[in-house]
Amino acid sequence: MKRLLILVCALAIGSSAFAAQGKPVKASYSGIVEKYDATTKTLTIKRKDKTGEFVITDSSEVVQGSTKADASAFTAGRKVDVDFVMDGAKKIVQKAKLGPSPTSK
């Protein structure tokens, strides 16, 4: 009986640890581009009194309107919406949608 209880506990712990390694957590964030560091590929977005730092990878999709863009389009003052996944403590951008340039009307 004692062995059965130990086995059940071990299976419960093992299956919950395995489930924690499942799909990455997806989220979104919107704000204004504060800066983009091309060397570290880090995008800083300001939203009200908070800022978020995101990593742009080679697989990140950047769009401006309905056309693809590259990371050089991240200029300070532009509105941006990002969809990202957590990789440990890093926020990895999957898709970034840029709004119009702050100087265009």
C-alpha atoms as a PDB file:
ATOM      1  CA  MET A   1       0.000   0.000   0.000  1.00  0.00           C
ATOM      2  CA  LYS A   2       2.843   2.341   0.885  1.00  0.00           C
ATOM      3  CA  ARG A   3       4.552   1.639  -2.441  1.00  0.00           C
ATOM      4  CA  LEU A   4       1.359   2.395  -4.319  1.00  0.00           C
ATOM      5  CA  LEU A   5       1.022   5.752  -2.572  1.00  0.00           C
ATOM      6  CA  ILE A   6       4.655   6.629  -3.367  1.00  0.00           C
ATOM      7  CA  LEU A   7       4.148   5.649  -7.006  1.00  0.00           C
ATOM      8  CA  VAL A   8       1.009   7.782  -7.330  1.00  0.00           C
ATOM      9  CA  CYS A   9       2.762  10.794  -5.782  1.00  0.00           C
ATOM     10  CA  ALA A  10       5.777  10.361  -8.051  1.00  0.00           C
ATOM     11  CA  LEU A  11       3.571  10.178 -11.144  1.00  0.00           C
ATOM     12  CA  ALA A  12       1.620  13.275 -10.086  1.00  0.00           C
ATOM     13  CA  ILE A  13       4.791  15.292  -9.548  1.00  0.00           C
ATOM     14  CA  GLY A  14       6.379  14.035 -12.765  1.00  0.00           C
ATOM     15  CA  SER A  15       3.335  14.767 -14.918  1.00  0.00           C
ATOM     16  CA  SER A  16       2.923  18.299 -13.519  1.00  0.00           C
ATOM     17  CA  ALA A  17       6.596  19.049 -14.195  1.00  0.00           C
ATOM     18  CA  PHE A  18       6.207  17.745 -17.743  1.00  0.00           C
ATOM     19  CA  ALA A  19       3.073  19.879 -18.297  1.00  0.00           C
ATOM     20  CA  ALA A  20       4.956  23.002 -17.199  1.00  0.00           C
ATOM     21  CA  GLN A  21       7.302  22.520 -20.166  1.00  0.00           C
ATOM     22  CA  GLY A  22       4.399  22.783 -22.631  1.00  0.00           C
ATOM     23  CA  LYS A  23       3.570  25.671 -24.917  1.00  0.00           C
ATOM     24  CA  PRO A  24       5.264  29.028 -24.350  1.00  0.00           C
ATOM     25  CA  VAL A  25       3.176  31.789 -22.809  1.00  0.00           C
ATOM     26  CA  LYS A  26       1.900  34.180 -25.499  1.00  0.00           C
ATOM     27  CA  ALA A  27       0.970  37.802 -24.809  1.00  0.00           C
ATOM     28  CA  SER A  28       0.719  41.195 -26.470  1.00  0.00           C
ATOM     29  CA  TYR A  29       1.868  44.716 -25.613  1.00  0.00           C
ATOM     30  CA  SER A  30       1.090  48.088 -27.186  1.00  0.00           C
ATOM     31  CA  GLY A  31       2.773  51.432 -26.808  1.00  0.00           C
ATOM     32  CA  ILE A  32       5.187  53.915 -28.318  1.00  0.00           C
ATOM     33  CA  VAL A  33       8.700  53.000 -29.478  1.00  0.00           C
ATOM     34  CA  GLU A  34      11.142  54.586 -27.063  1.00  0.00           C
ATOM     35  CA  LYS A  35      14.267  53.152 -28.691  1.00  0.00           C
ATOM     36  CA  TYR A  36      15.644  50.243 -30.684  1.00  0.00           C
ATOM     37  CA  ASP A  37      19.177  48.965 -30.149  1.00  0.00           C
ATOM     38  CA  ALA A  38      20.265  47.238 -33.361  1.00  0.00           C
ATOM     39  CA  THR A  39      23.353  45.756 -31.693  1.00  0.00           C
ATOM     40  CA  THR A  40      21.431  43.830 -29.033  1.00  0.00           C
ATOM     41  CA  LYS A  41      18.210  43.711 -31.109  1.00  0.00           C
ATOM     42  CA  THR A  42      16.323  45.109 -28.116  1.00  0.00           C
ATOM     43  CA  LEU A  43      13.134  47.113 -28.613  1.00  0.00           C
ATOM     44  CA  THR A  44      12.001  49.352 -25.751  1.00  0.00           C
ATOM     45  CA  ILE A  45       8.313  50.267 -25.746  1.00  0.00           C
ATOM     46  CA  LYS A  46       6.783  52.865 -23.434  1.00  0.00           C
ATOM     47  CA  ARG A  47       3.181  52.594 -22.282  1.00  0.00           C
ATOM     48  CA  LYS A  48       1.928  55.243 -19.852  1.00  0.00           C
ATOM     49  CA  ASP A  49       4.286  54.995 -16.878  1.00  0.00           C
ATOM     50  CA  LYS A  50       5.705  51.554 -17.778  1.00  0.00           C
ATOM     51  CA  THR A  51       8.311  50.375 -20.246  1.00  0.00           C
ATOM     52  CA  GLY A  52       8.800  46.942 -21.721  1.00  0.00           C
ATOM     53  CA  GLU A  53      11.908  45.473 -23.315  1.00  0.00           C
ATOM     54  CA  PHE A  54      11.531  42.981 -26.145  1.00  0.00           C
ATOM     55  CA  VAL A  55      13.999  40.975 -28.223  1.00  0.00           C
ATOM     56  CA  ILE A  56      13.746  40.963 -32.013  1.00  0.00           C
ATOM     57  CA  THR A  57      14.947  37.716 -33.599  1.00  0.00           C
ATOM     58  CA  ASP A  58      15.500  36.620 -37.198  1.00  0.00           C
ATOM     59  CA  SER A  59      12.083  34.937 -37.085  1.00  0.00           C
ATOM     60  CA  SER A  60      10.277  38.043 -35.779  1.00  0.00           C
ATOM     61  CA  GLU A  61       7.825  39.451 -38.310  1.00  0.00           C
ATOM     62  CA  VAL A  62       7.737  43.250 -38.634  1.00  0.00           C
ATOM     63  CA  VAL A  63       4.868  44.824 -40.584  1.00  0.00           C
ATOM     64  CA  GLN A  64       4.043  48.402 -41.421  1.00  0.00           C
ATOM     65  CA  GLY A  65       0.467  48.630 -42.595  1.00  0.00           C
ATOM     66  CA  SER A  66       0.098  45.636 -44.904  1.00  0.00           C
ATOM     67  CA  THR A  67       3.731  45.492 -46.024  1.00  0.00           C
ATOM     68  CA  LYS A  68       6.698  43.788 -44.441  1.00  0.00           C
ATOM     69  CA  ALA A  69       9.335  46.002 -42.894  1.00  0.00           C
ATOM     70  CA  ASP A  70      12.652  45.463 -41.189  1.00  0.00           C
ATOM     71  CA  ALA A  71      13.894  46.464 -37.759  1.00  0.00           C
ATOM     72  CA  SER A  72      15.182  49.811 -39.040  1.00  0.00           C
ATOM     73  CA  ALA A  73      11.520  50.927 -39.099  1.00  0.00           C
ATOM     74  CA  PHE A  74      11.523  51.025 -35.267  1.00  0.00           C
ATOM     75  CA  THR A  75      11.957  54.764 -34.814  1.00  0.00           C
ATOM     76  CA  ALA A  76      11.259  56.653 -31.602  1.00  0.00           C
ATOM     77  CA  GLY A  77       7.720  57.966 -31.302  1.00  0.00           C
ATOM     78  CA  ARG A  78       6.012  55.346 -33.480  1.00  0.00           C
ATOM     79  CA  LYS A  79       3.055  53.383 -32.184  1.00  0.00           C
ATOM     80  CA  VAL A  80       3.694  49.646 -32.115  1.00  0.00           C
ATOM     81  CA  ASP A  81       1.734  46.526 -31.176  1.00  0.00           C
ATOM     82  CA  VAL A  82       3.770  43.409 -30.452  1.00  0.00           C
ATOM     83  CA  ASP A  83       2.807  39.774 -30.013  1.00  0.00           C
ATOM     84  CA  PHE A  84       5.466  37.944 -28.027  1.00  0.00           C
ATOM     85  CA  VAL A  85       6.304  34.761 -26.145  1.00  0.00           C
ATOM     86  CA  MET A  86       8.244  34.398 -22.927  1.00  0.00           C
ATOM     87  CA  ASP A  87      11.570  32.583 -23.078  1.00  0.00           C
ATOM     88  CA  GLY A  88      12.638  32.538 -19.455  1.00  0.00           C
ATOM     89  CA  ALA A  89      12.776  36.217 -18.522  1.00  0.00           C
ATOM     90  CA  LYS A  90      13.087  37.399 -22.154  1.00  0.00           C
ATOM     91  CA  LYS A  91      10.133  38.629 -24.205  1.00  0.00           C
ATOM     92  CA  ILE A  92      10.675  37.351 -27.753  1.00  0.00           C
ATOM     93  CA  VAL A  93       8.732  39.223 -30.453  1.00  0.00           C
ATOM     94  CA  GLN A  94       6.807  37.053 -32.870  1.00  0.00           C
ATOM     95  CA  LYS A  95       5.057  39.893 -34.697  1.00  0.00           C
ATOM     96  CA  ALA A  96       5.371  43.682 -34.483  1.00  0.00           C
ATOM     97  CA  LYS A  97       2.783  45.937 -36.145  1.00  0.00           C
ATOM     98  CA  LEU A  98       3.981  49.504 -36.649  1.00  0.00           C
ATOM     99  CA  GLY A  99       1.647  52.470 -36.790  1.00  0.00           C
ATOM    100  CA  PRO A 100       2.233  55.539 -38.942  1.00  0.00           C
ATOM    101  CA  SER A 101       5.350  57.620 -38.516  1.00  0.00           C
ATOM    102  CA  PRO A 102       4.852  60.380 -35.904  1.00  0.00           C
ATOM    103  CA  THR A 103       5.733  63.033 -38.496  1.00  0.00           C
ATOM    104  CA  SER A 104       3.302  61.776 -41.174  1.00  0.00           C
ATOM    105  CA  LYS A 105      -0.207  63.229 -41.250  1.00  0.00           C
END
